[in-house]
Amino acid sequence: MAEIEELVEIFKALSDPTRLRLVKLLKECQEGSGVCKGGPLCVNALAHQLGVTQSAVSQHLRILKQAGLVRGERNGLYMHYALDPEGLQRYRAGLQETLGKDFGIG
């Protein structure tokens, strides 16, 4: 049952359009596509790309970090954020186990 609770947490974290856009932007940055040159981004760059305030991005990142989707690394004075591959894999495995491989996960 704990696995179900973890899946509920991720669905809640991704239920906000700004957070979902934030995850998509971080994914594009890791792939080196889109508006990014690749690699983690700081809150200011994320806010600029999404057209929202830095404080809003910080709040959304906090929720995504709590869900295990995002990680932060200090780079000089700034924190840079990226998707957490281990957290994503954990949720992918949970979805596969719960919904089955025929659902298209994986």
PDB file of N, CA and C in Angstrom:
ATOM      1  N   MET A   1       0.818  -1.202   0.000  1.00  0.00           N
ATOM      2  CA  MET A   1       0.000   0.000   0.000  1.00  0.00           C
ATOM      3  C   MET A   1       0.858   1.262   0.000  1.00  0.00           C
ATOM      4  N   ALA A   2       2.080   1.173   0.545  1.00  0.00           N
ATOM      5  CA  ALA A   2       2.970   2.331   0.547  1.00  0.00           C
ATOM      6  C   ALA A   2       3.301   2.753  -0.877  1.00  0.00           C
ATOM      7  N   GLU A   3       3.384   1.777  -1.781  1.00  0.00           N
ATOM      8  CA  GLU A   3       3.654   2.087  -3.187  1.00  0.00           C
ATOM      9  C   GLU A   3       2.541   2.949  -3.781  1.00  0.00           C
ATOM     10  N   ILE A   4       1.308   2.643  -3.434  1.00  0.00           N
ATOM     11  CA  ILE A   4       0.171   3.432  -3.912  1.00  0.00           C
ATOM     12  C   ILE A   4       0.273   4.855  -3.382  1.00  0.00           C
ATOM     13  N   GLU A   5       0.641   5.011  -2.121  1.00  0.00           N
ATOM     14  CA  GLU A   5       0.781   6.349  -1.537  1.00  0.00           C
ATOM     15  C   GLU A   5       1.873   7.148  -2.245  1.00  0.00           C
ATOM     16  N   GLU A   6       2.965   6.485  -2.630  1.00  0.00           N
ATOM     17  CA  GLU A   6       4.031   7.168  -3.373  1.00  0.00           C
ATOM     18  C   GLU A   6       3.530   7.624  -4.737  1.00  0.00           C
ATOM     19  N   LEU A   7       2.740   6.788  -5.401  1.00  0.00           N
ATOM     20  CA  LEU A   7       2.190   7.173  -6.707  1.00  0.00           C
ATOM     21  C   LEU A   7       1.215   8.336  -6.564  1.00  0.00           C
ATOM     22  N   VAL A   8       0.426   8.331  -5.499  1.00  0.00           N
ATOM     23  CA  VAL A   8      -0.490   9.444  -5.245  1.00  0.00           C
ATOM     24  C   VAL A   8       0.301  10.731  -5.081  1.00  0.00           C
ATOM     25  N   GLU A   9       1.432  10.661  -4.366  1.00  0.00           N
ATOM     26  CA  GLU A   9       2.268  11.850  -4.149  1.00  0.00           C
ATOM     27  C   GLU A   9       2.780  12.417  -5.472  1.00  0.00           C
ATOM     28  N   ILE A  10       3.218  11.545  -6.368  1.00  0.00           N
ATOM     29  CA  ILE A  10       3.729  12.043  -7.642  1.00  0.00           C
ATOM     30  C   ILE A  10       2.611  12.637  -8.492  1.00  0.00           C
ATOM     31  N   PHE A  11       1.454  11.987  -8.485  1.00  0.00           N
ATOM     32  CA  PHE A  11       0.338  12.533  -9.261  1.00  0.00           C
ATOM     33  C   PHE A  11      -0.093  13.892  -8.721  1.00  0.00           C
ATOM     34  N   LYS A  12      -0.073  14.057  -7.413  1.00  0.00           N
ATOM     35  CA  LYS A  12      -0.380  15.362  -6.825  1.00  0.00           C
ATOM     36  C   LYS A  12       0.657  16.402  -7.243  1.00  0.00           C
ATOM     37  N   ALA A  13       1.926  16.004  -7.205  1.00  0.00           N
ATOM     38  CA  ALA A  13       3.001  16.934  -7.565  1.00  0.00           C
ATOM     39  C   ALA A  13       2.884  17.365  -9.022  1.00  0.00           C
ATOM     40  N   LEU A  14       2.451  16.466  -9.883  1.00  0.00           N
ATOM     41  CA  LEU A  14       2.366  16.770 -11.316  1.00  0.00           C
ATOM     42  C   LEU A  14       1.007  17.331 -11.731  1.00  0.00           C
ATOM     43  N   SER A  15       0.084  17.475 -10.782  1.00  0.00           N
ATOM     44  CA  SER A  15      -1.260  17.925 -11.130  1.00  0.00           C
ATOM     45  C   SER A  15      -1.346  19.425 -11.407  1.00  0.00           C
ATOM     46  N   ASP A  16      -0.311  20.168 -11.065  1.00  0.00           N
ATOM     47  CA  ASP A  16      -0.295  21.607 -11.312  1.00  0.00           C
ATOM     48  C   ASP A  16       0.339  21.877 -12.677  1.00  0.00           C
ATOM     49  N   PRO A  17      -0.294  22.683 -13.525  1.00  0.00           N
ATOM     50  CA  PRO A  17       0.257  22.940 -14.859  1.00  0.00           C
ATOM     51  C   PRO A  17       1.662  23.546 -14.847  1.00  0.00           C
ATOM     52  N   THR A  18       1.947  24.432 -13.906  1.00  0.00           N
ATOM     53  CA  THR A  18       3.277  25.042 -13.850  1.00  0.00           C
ATOM     54  C   THR A  18       4.325  24.004 -13.473  1.00  0.00           C
ATOM     55  N   ARG A  19       4.010  23.133 -12.537  1.00  0.00           N
ATOM     56  CA  ARG A  19       4.966  22.091 -12.165  1.00  0.00           C
ATOM     57  C   ARG A  19       5.198  21.126 -13.317  1.00  0.00           C
ATOM     58  N   LEU A  20       4.149  20.801 -14.044  1.00  0.00           N
ATOM     59  CA  LEU A  20       4.312  19.913 -15.189  1.00  0.00           C
ATOM     60  C   LEU A  20       5.163  20.578 -16.269  1.00  0.00           C
ATOM     61  N   ARG A  21       4.964  21.876 -16.498  1.00  0.00           N
ATOM     62  CA  ARG A  21       5.800  22.615 -17.445  1.00  0.00           C
ATOM     63  C   ARG A  21       7.247  22.671 -16.962  1.00  0.00           C
ATOM     64  N   LEU A  22       7.429  22.807 -15.667  1.00  0.00           N
ATOM     65  CA  LEU A  22       8.765  22.839 -15.074  1.00  0.00           C
ATOM     66  C   LEU A  22       9.481  21.506 -15.291  1.00  0.00           C
ATOM     67  N   VAL A  23       8.799  20.406 -15.070  1.00  0.00           N
ATOM     68  CA  VAL A  23       9.386  19.083 -15.300  1.00  0.00           C
ATOM     69  C   VAL A  23       9.739  18.914 -16.776  1.00  0.00           C
ATOM     70  N   LYS A  24       8.848  19.349 -17.656  1.00  0.00           N
ATOM     71  CA  LYS A  24       9.115  19.240 -19.097  1.00  0.00           C
ATOM     72  C   LYS A  24      10.341  20.066 -19.485  1.00  0.00           C
ATOM     73  N   LEU A  25      10.461  21.264 -18.940  1.00  0.00           N
ATOM     74  CA  LEU A  25      11.609  22.116 -19.226  1.00  0.00           C
ATOM     75  C   LEU A  25      12.903  21.479 -18.722  1.00  0.00           C
ATOM     76  N   LEU A  26      12.886  20.929 -17.522  1.00  0.00           N
ATOM     77  CA  LEU A  26      14.081  20.271 -16.985  1.00  0.00           C
ATOM     78  C   LEU A  26      14.455  19.043 -17.815  1.00  0.00           C
ATOM     79  N   LYS A  27      13.457  18.319 -18.307  1.00  0.00           N
ATOM     80  CA  LYS A  27      13.719  17.167 -19.165  1.00  0.00           C
ATOM     81  C   LYS A  27      14.388  17.613 -20.463  1.00  0.00           C
ATOM     82  N   GLU A  28      13.867  18.672 -21.067  1.00  0.00           N
ATOM     83  CA  GLU A  28      14.467  19.192 -22.297  1.00  0.00           C
ATOM     84  C   GLU A  28      15.896  19.653 -22.060  1.00  0.00           C
ATOM     85  N   CYS A  29      16.149  20.246 -20.922  1.00  0.00           N
ATOM     86  CA  CYS A  29      17.498  20.715 -20.609  1.00  0.00           C
ATOM     87  C   CYS A  29      18.468  19.547 -20.459  1.00  0.00           C
ATOM     88  N   GLN A  30      18.021  18.475 -19.828  1.00  0.00           N
ATOM     89  CA  GLN A  30      18.878  17.306 -19.679  1.00  0.00           C
ATOM     90  C   GLN A  30      19.176  16.672 -21.025  1.00  0.00           C
ATOM     91  N   GLU A  31      18.228  16.748 -21.938  1.00  0.00           N
ATOM     92  CA  GLU A  31      18.421  16.171 -23.268  1.00  0.00           C
ATOM     93  C   GLU A  31      19.198  17.107 -24.179  1.00  0.00           C
ATOM     94  N   GLY A  32      19.385  18.346 -23.734  1.00  0.00           N
ATOM     95  CA  GLY A  32      20.090  19.324 -24.561  1.00  0.00           C
ATOM     96  C   GLY A  32      19.234  19.862 -25.691  1.00  0.00           C
ATOM     97  N   SER A  33      17.917  19.758 -25.542  1.00  0.00           N
ATOM     98  CA  SER A  33      17.016  20.260 -26.581  1.00  0.00           C
ATOM     99  C   SER A  33      16.248  21.470 -26.055  1.00  0.00           C
ATOM    100  N   GLY A  34      15.393  21.995 -26.876  1.00  0.00           N
ATOM    101  CA  GLY A  34      14.582  23.137 -26.466  1.00  0.00           C
ATOM    102  C   GLY A  34      15.417  24.390 -26.308  1.00  0.00           C
ATOM    103  N   VAL A  35      15.080  25.189 -25.301  1.00  0.00           N
ATOM    104  CA  VAL A  35      15.730  26.484 -25.088  1.00  0.00           C
ATOM    105  C   VAL A  35      17.021  26.361 -24.296  1.00  0.00           C
ATOM    106  N   CYS A  36      17.327  25.180 -23.804  1.00  0.00           N
ATOM    107  CA  CYS A  36      18.497  24.975 -22.945  1.00  0.00           C
ATOM    108  C   CYS A  36      19.673  24.451 -23.740  1.00  0.00           C
ATOM    109  N   LYS A  37      20.835  24.687 -23.212  1.00  0.00           N
ATOM    110  CA  LYS A  37      22.064  24.146 -23.790  1.00  0.00           C
ATOM    111  C   LYS A  37      22.449  22.830 -23.124  1.00  0.00           C
ATOM    112  N   GLY A  38      21.662  22.399 -22.178  1.00  0.00           N
ATOM    113  CA  GLY A  38      21.943  21.159 -21.463  1.00  0.00           C
ATOM    114  C   GLY A  38      22.377  21.443 -20.050  1.00  0.00           C
ATOM    115  N   GLY A  39      21.998  20.561 -19.147  1.00  0.00           N
ATOM    116  CA  GLY A  39      22.411  20.681 -17.769  1.00  0.00           C
ATOM    117  C   GLY A  39      21.390  21.359 -16.895  1.00  0.00           C
ATOM    118  N   PRO A  40      21.649  21.368 -15.602  1.00  0.00           N
ATOM    119  CA  PRO A  40      20.734  21.966 -14.626  1.00  0.00           C
ATOM    120  C   PRO A  40      20.601  23.476 -14.798  1.00  0.00           C
ATOM    121  N   LEU A  41      19.492  24.007 -14.310  1.00  0.00           N
ATOM    122  CA  LEU A  41      19.225  25.444 -14.383  1.00  0.00           C
ATOM    123  C   LEU A  41      18.954  26.005 -12.996  1.00  0.00           C
ATOM    124  N   CYS A  42      19.266  27.276 -12.814  1.00  0.00           N
ATOM    125  CA  CYS A  42      18.976  27.952 -11.556  1.00  0.00           C
ATOM    126  C   CYS A  42      17.532  28.467 -11.570  1.00  0.00           C
ATOM    127  N   VAL A  43      17.053  28.873 -10.411  1.00  0.00           N
ATOM    128  CA  VAL A  43      15.675  29.343 -10.270  1.00  0.00           C
ATOM    129  C   VAL A  43      15.402  30.518 -11.191  1.00  0.00           C
ATOM    130  N   ASN A  44      16.354  31.447 -11.301  1.00  0.00           N
ATOM    131  CA  ASN A  44      16.157  32.617 -12.147  1.00  0.00           C
ATOM    132  C   ASN A  44      15.938  32.216 -13.604  1.00  0.00           C
ATOM    133  N   ALA A  45      16.747  31.302 -14.114  1.00  0.00           N
ATOM    134  CA  ALA A  45      16.609  30.857 -15.506  1.00  0.00           C
ATOM    135  C   ALA A  45      15.288  30.119 -15.707  1.00  0.00           C
ATOM    136  N   LEU A  46      14.914  29.292 -14.740  1.00  0.00           N
ATOM    137  CA  LEU A  46      13.641  28.577 -14.837  1.00  0.00           C
ATOM    138  C   LEU A  46      12.474  29.556 -14.833  1.00  0.00           C
ATOM    139  N   ALA A  47      12.524  30.547 -13.950  1.00  0.00           N
ATOM    140  CA  ALA A  47      11.458  31.551 -13.874  1.00  0.00           C
ATOM    141  C   ALA A  47      11.338  32.313 -15.183  1.00  0.00           C
ATOM    142  N   HIS A  48      12.474  32.684 -15.750  1.00  0.00           N
ATOM    143  CA  HIS A  48      12.481  33.415 -17.019  1.00  0.00           C
ATOM    144  C   HIS A  48      11.850  32.582 -18.129  1.00  0.00           C
ATOM    145  N   GLN A  49      12.237  31.315 -18.220  1.00  0.00           N
ATOM    146  CA  GLN A  49      11.715  30.449 -19.275  1.00  0.00           C
ATOM    147  C   GLN A  49      10.220  30.183 -19.131  1.00  0.00           C
ATOM    148  N   LEU A  50       9.749  30.087 -17.890  1.00  0.00           N
ATOM    149  CA  LEU A  50       8.341  29.779 -17.646  1.00  0.00           C
ATOM    150  C   LEU A  50       7.456  31.015 -17.569  1.00  0.00           C
ATOM    151  N   GLY A  51       8.073  32.175 -17.414  1.00  0.00           N
ATOM    152  CA  GLY A  51       7.293  33.407 -17.315  1.00  0.00           C
ATOM    153  C   GLY A  51       6.554  33.546 -15.992  1.00  0.00           C
ATOM    154  N   VAL A  52       7.156  33.022 -14.916  1.00  0.00           N
ATOM    155  CA  VAL A  52       6.576  33.157 -13.583  1.00  0.00           C
ATOM    156  C   VAL A  52       7.641  33.735 -12.651  1.00  0.00           C
ATOM    157  N   THR A  53       7.232  34.071 -11.451  1.00  0.00           N
ATOM    158  CA  THR A  53       8.179  34.675 -10.512  1.00  0.00           C
ATOM    159  C   THR A  53       9.146  33.632  -9.956  1.00  0.00           C
ATOM    160  N   GLN A  54      10.286  34.128  -9.466  1.00  0.00           N
ATOM    161  CA  GLN A  54      11.267  33.242  -8.855  1.00  0.00           C
ATOM    162  C   GLN A  54      10.696  32.558  -7.616  1.00  0.00           C
ATOM    163  N   SER A  55       9.902  33.287  -6.842  1.00  0.00           N
ATOM    164  CA  SER A  55       9.326  32.687  -5.632  1.00  0.00           C
ATOM    165  C   SER A  55       8.351  31.565  -5.994  1.00  0.00           C
ATOM    166  N   ALA A  56       7.600  31.747  -7.074  1.00  0.00           N
ATOM    167  CA  ALA A  56       6.685  30.684  -7.514  1.00  0.00           C
ATOM    168  C   ALA A  56       7.467  29.448  -7.946  1.00  0.00           C
ATOM    169  N   VAL A  57       8.545  29.654  -8.698  1.00  0.00           N
ATOM    170  CA  VAL A  57       9.380  28.523  -9.125  1.00  0.00           C
ATOM    171  C   VAL A  57       9.957  27.817  -7.906  1.00  0.00           C
ATOM    172  N   SER A  58      10.429  28.563  -6.934  1.00  0.00           N
ATOM    173  CA  SER A  58      10.992  27.967  -5.723  1.00  0.00           C
ATOM    174  C   SER A  58       9.961  27.100  -5.002  1.00  0.00           C
ATOM    175  N   GLN A  59       8.736  27.587  -4.904  1.00  0.00           N
ATOM    176  CA  GLN A  59       7.677  26.805  -4.249  1.00  0.00           C
ATOM    177  C   GLN A  59       7.374  25.526  -5.026  1.00  0.00           C
ATOM    178  N   HIS A  60       7.308  25.625  -6.336  1.00  0.00           N
ATOM    179  CA  HIS A  60       7.043  24.447  -7.163  1.00  0.00           C
ATOM    180  C   HIS A  60       8.200  23.451  -7.079  1.00  0.00           C
ATOM    181  N   LEU A  61       9.422  23.944  -7.080  1.00  0.00           N
ATOM    182  CA  LEU A  61      10.584  23.056  -6.961  1.00  0.00           C
ATOM    183  C   LEU A  61      10.589  22.332  -5.615  1.00  0.00           C
ATOM    184  N   ARG A  62      10.167  23.009  -4.565  1.00  0.00           N
ATOM    185  CA  ARG A  62      10.100  22.388  -3.242  1.00  0.00           C
ATOM    186  C   ARG A  62       9.163  21.174  -3.272  1.00  0.00           C
ATOM    187  N   ILE A  63       8.018  21.335  -3.899  1.00  0.00           N
ATOM    188  CA  ILE A  63       7.046  20.240  -3.988  1.00  0.00           C
ATOM    189  C   ILE A  63       7.597  19.100  -4.839  1.00  0.00           C
ATOM    190  N   LEU A  64       8.248  19.443  -5.948  1.00  0.00           N
ATOM    191  CA  LEU A  64       8.821  18.412  -6.820  1.00  0.00           C
ATOM    192  C   LEU A  64       9.979  17.690  -6.143  1.00  0.00           C
ATOM    193  N   LYS A  65      10.744  18.413  -5.327  1.00  0.00           N
ATOM    194  CA  LYS A  65      11.833  17.771  -4.575  1.00  0.00           C
ATOM    195  C   LYS A  65      11.270  16.828  -3.524  1.00  0.00           C
ATOM    196  N   GLN A  66      10.227  17.241  -2.831  1.00  0.00           N
ATOM    197  CA  GLN A  66       9.600  16.392  -1.824  1.00  0.00           C
ATOM    198  C   GLN A  66       9.063  15.104  -2.448  1.00  0.00           C
ATOM    199  N   ALA A  67       8.605  15.192  -3.687  1.00  0.00           N
ATOM    200  CA  ALA A  67       8.087  14.017  -4.384  1.00  0.00           C
ATOM    201  C   ALA A  67       9.212  13.157  -4.953  1.00  0.00           C
ATOM    202  N   GLY A  68      10.443  13.663  -4.902  1.00  0.00           N
ATOM    203  CA  GLY A  68      11.583  12.899  -5.399  1.00  0.00           C
ATOM    204  C   GLY A  68      11.799  12.993  -6.893  1.00  0.00           C
ATOM    205  N   LEU A  69      11.219  14.010  -7.525  1.00  0.00           N
ATOM    206  CA  LEU A  69      11.360  14.170  -8.970  1.00  0.00           C
ATOM    207  C   LEU A  69      12.509  15.076  -9.375  1.00  0.00           C
ATOM    208  N   VAL A  70      12.891  15.977  -8.482  1.00  0.00           N
ATOM    209  CA  VAL A  70      13.895  17.000  -8.789  1.00  0.00           C
ATOM    210  C   VAL A  70      14.961  16.983  -7.709  1.00  0.00           C
ATOM    211  N   ARG A  71      16.182  17.287  -8.104  1.00  0.00           N
ATOM    212  CA  ARG A  71      17.283  17.422  -7.147  1.00  0.00           C
ATOM    213  C   ARG A  71      17.985  18.746  -7.420  1.00  0.00           C
ATOM    214  N   GLY A  72      18.597  19.286  -6.391  1.00  0.00           N
ATOM    215  CA  GLY A  72      19.330  20.531  -6.524  1.00  0.00           C
ATOM    216  C   GLY A  72      20.794  20.336  -6.187  1.00  0.00           C
ATOM    217  N   GLU A  73      21.657  21.047  -6.903  1.00  0.00           N
ATOM    218  CA  GLU A  73      23.096  21.025  -6.649  1.00  0.00           C
ATOM    219  C   GLU A  73      23.590  22.459  -6.549  1.00  0.00           C
ATOM    220  N   ARG A  74      24.395  22.709  -5.550  1.00  0.00           N
ATOM    221  CA  ARG A  74      24.962  24.046  -5.411  1.00  0.00           C
ATOM    222  C   ARG A  74      26.085  24.215  -6.424  1.00  0.00           C
ATOM    223  N   ASN A  75      26.027  25.324  -7.149  1.00  0.00           N
ATOM    224  CA  ASN A  75      27.052  25.672  -8.122  1.00  0.00           C
ATOM    225  C   ASN A  75      27.437  27.124  -7.837  1.00  0.00           C
ATOM    226  N   GLY A  76      28.469  27.321  -7.044  1.00  0.00           N
ATOM    227  CA  GLY A  76      28.828  28.675  -6.626  1.00  0.00           C
ATOM    228  C   GLY A  76      27.793  29.205  -5.658  1.00  0.00           C
ATOM    229  N   LEU A  77      27.249  30.359  -5.963  1.00  0.00           N
ATOM    230  CA  LEU A  77      26.239  30.972  -5.102  1.00  0.00           C
ATOM    231  C   LEU A  77      24.841  30.450  -5.351  1.00  0.00           C
ATOM    232  N   TYR A  78      24.631  29.749  -6.443  1.00  0.00           N
ATOM    233  CA  TYR A  78      23.292  29.372  -6.870  1.00  0.00           C
ATOM    234  C   TYR A  78      23.051  27.870  -6.788  1.00  0.00           C
ATOM    235  N   MET A  79      21.792  27.529  -6.572  1.00  0.00           N
ATOM    236  CA  MET A  79      21.356  26.136  -6.662  1.00  0.00           C
ATOM    237  C   MET A  79      20.893  25.906  -8.099  1.00  0.00           C
ATOM    238  N   HIS A  80      21.337  24.813  -8.664  1.00  0.00           N
ATOM    239  CA  HIS A  80      20.901  24.426 -10.004  1.00  0.00           C
ATOM    240  C   HIS A  80      20.079  23.154  -9.883  1.00  0.00           C
ATOM    241  N   TYR A  81      18.987  23.097 -10.634  1.00  0.00           N
ATOM    242  CA  TYR A  81      18.025  22.015 -10.493  1.00  0.00           C
ATOM    243  C   TYR A  81      17.963  21.174 -11.758  1.00  0.00           C
ATOM    244  N   ALA A  82      17.751  19.874 -11.530  1.00  0.00           N
ATOM    245  CA  ALA A  82      17.623  18.912 -12.623  1.00  0.00           C
ATOM    246  C   ALA A  82      16.667  17.822 -12.166  1.00  0.00           C
ATOM    247  N   LEU A  83      16.176  17.050 -13.106  1.00  0.00           N
ATOM    248  CA  LEU A  83      15.359  15.895 -12.755  1.00  0.00           C
ATOM    249  C   LEU A  83      16.223  14.877 -12.024  1.00  0.00           C
ATOM    250  N   ASP A  84      15.623  14.164 -11.106  1.00  0.00           N
ATOM    251  CA  ASP A  84      16.323  13.128 -10.349  1.00  0.00           C
ATOM    252  C   ASP A  84      16.080  11.784 -11.035  1.00  0.00           C
ATOM    253  N   PRO A  85      17.073  11.255 -11.748  1.00  0.00           N
ATOM    254  CA  PRO A  85      16.863  10.008 -12.493  1.00  0.00           C
ATOM    255  C   PRO A  85      16.470   8.831 -11.606  1.00  0.00           C
ATOM    256  N   GLU A  86      16.989   8.768 -10.386  1.00  0.00           N
ATOM    257  CA  GLU A  86      16.636   7.671  -9.483  1.00  0.00           C
ATOM    258  C   GLU A  86      15.172   7.765  -9.058  1.00  0.00           C
ATOM    259  N   GLY A  87      14.712   8.972  -8.770  1.00  0.00           N
ATOM    260  CA  GLY A  87      13.308   9.161  -8.402  1.00  0.00           C
ATOM    261  C   GLY A  87      12.385   8.831  -9.555  1.00  0.00           C
ATOM    262  N   LEU A  88      12.765   9.259 -10.758  1.00  0.00           N
ATOM    263  CA  LEU A  88      11.942   8.953 -11.933  1.00  0.00           C
ATOM    264  C   LEU A  88      11.864   7.451 -12.176  1.00  0.00           C
ATOM    265  N   GLN A  89      12.977   6.757 -12.013  1.00  0.00           N
ATOM    266  CA  GLN A  89      12.988   5.310 -12.222  1.00  0.00           C
ATOM    267  C   GLN A  89      12.123   4.601 -11.181  1.00  0.00           C
ATOM    268  N   ARG A  90      12.171   5.079  -9.951  1.00  0.00           N
ATOM    269  CA  ARG A  90      11.351   4.478  -8.898  1.00  0.00           C
ATOM    270  C   ARG A  90       9.868   4.595  -9.234  1.00  0.00           C
ATOM    271  N   TYR A  91       9.453   5.771  -9.710  1.00  0.00           N
ATOM    272  CA  TYR A  91       8.046   5.958 -10.063  1.00  0.00           C
ATOM    273  C   TYR A  91       7.674   5.167 -11.307  1.00  0.00           C
ATOM    274  N   ARG A  92       8.580   5.093 -12.262  1.00  0.00           N
ATOM    275  CA  ARG A  92       8.324   4.303 -13.462  1.00  0.00           C
ATOM    276  C   ARG A  92       8.073   2.843 -13.078  1.00  0.00           C
ATOM    277  N   ALA A  93       8.907   2.307 -12.204  1.00  0.00           N
ATOM    278  CA  ALA A  93       8.750   0.919 -11.764  1.00  0.00           C
ATOM    279  C   ALA A  93       7.429   0.739 -11.016  1.00  0.00           C
ATOM    280  N   GLY A  94       7.076   1.696 -10.186  1.00  0.00           N
ATOM    281  CA  GLY A  94       5.806   1.623  -9.460  1.00  0.00           C
ATOM    282  C   GLY A  94       4.609   1.654 -10.388  1.00  0.00           C
ATOM    283  N   LEU A  95       4.683   2.494 -11.421  1.00  0.00           N
ATOM    284  CA  LEU A  95       3.594   2.560 -12.395  1.00  0.00           C
ATOM    285  C   LEU A  95       3.483   1.266 -13.186  1.00  0.00           C
ATOM    286  N   GLN A  96       4.620   0.711 -13.575  1.00  0.00           N
ATOM    287  CA  GLN A  96       4.598  -0.556 -14.304  1.00  0.00           C
ATOM    288  C   GLN A  96       3.981  -1.658 -13.463  1.00  0.00           C
ATOM    289  N   GLU A  97       4.367  -1.704 -12.202  1.00  0.00           N
ATOM    290  CA  GLU A  97       3.847  -2.751 -11.324  1.00  0.00           C
ATOM    291  C   GLU A  97       2.356  -2.579 -11.091  1.00  0.00           C
ATOM    292  N   THR A  98       1.910  -1.333 -10.952  1.00  0.00           N
ATOM    293  CA  THR A  98       0.516  -1.070 -10.659  1.00  0.00           C
ATOM    294  C   THR A  98      -0.373  -1.177 -11.896  1.00  0.00           C
ATOM    295  N   LEU A  99       0.084  -0.592 -13.012  1.00  0.00           N
ATOM    296  CA  LEU A  99      -0.747  -0.518 -14.209  1.00  0.00           C
ATOM    297  C   LEU A  99      -0.440  -1.578 -15.243  1.00  0.00           C
ATOM    298  N   GLY A 100       0.732  -2.190 -15.141  1.00  0.00           N
ATOM    299  CA  GLY A 100       1.124  -3.219 -16.092  1.00  0.00           C
ATOM    300  C   GLY A 100       1.868  -2.636 -17.280  1.00  0.00           C
ATOM    301  N   LYS A 101       2.632  -3.485 -17.925  1.00  0.00           N
ATOM    302  CA  LYS A 101       3.440  -3.055 -19.073  1.00  0.00           C
ATOM    303  C   LYS A 101       2.577  -2.703 -20.270  1.00  0.00           C
ATOM    304  N   ASP A 102       1.374  -3.254 -20.351  1.00  0.00           N
ATOM    305  CA  ASP A 102       0.502  -2.958 -21.483  1.00  0.00           C
ATOM    306  C   ASP A 102       0.005  -1.519 -21.467  1.00  0.00           C
ATOM    307  N   PHE A 103       0.163  -0.853 -20.326  1.00  0.00           N
ATOM    308  CA  PHE A 103      -0.286   0.542 -20.212  1.00  0.00           C
ATOM    309  C   PHE A 103       0.604   1.491 -21.003  1.00  0.00           C
ATOM    310  N   GLY A 104       1.795   1.029 -21.399  1.00  0.00           N
ATOM    311  CA  GLY A 104       2.684   1.855 -22.195  1.00  0.00           C
ATOM    312  C   GLY A 104       3.765   2.545 -21.400  1.00  0.00           C
ATOM    313  N   ILE A 105       4.003   2.115 -20.187  1.00  0.00           N
ATOM    314  CA  ILE A 105       5.049   2.693 -19.351  1.00  0.00           C
ATOM    315  C   ILE A 105       6.321   1.873 -19.576  1.00  0.00           C
ATOM    316  N   GLY A 106       7.404   2.554 -19.928  1.00  0.00           N
ATOM    317  CA  GLY A 106       8.676   1.848 -20.039  1.00  0.00           C
ATOM    318  C   GLY A 106       9.155   1.600 -21.412  1.00  0.00           C
TER     319      GLY A 106
END
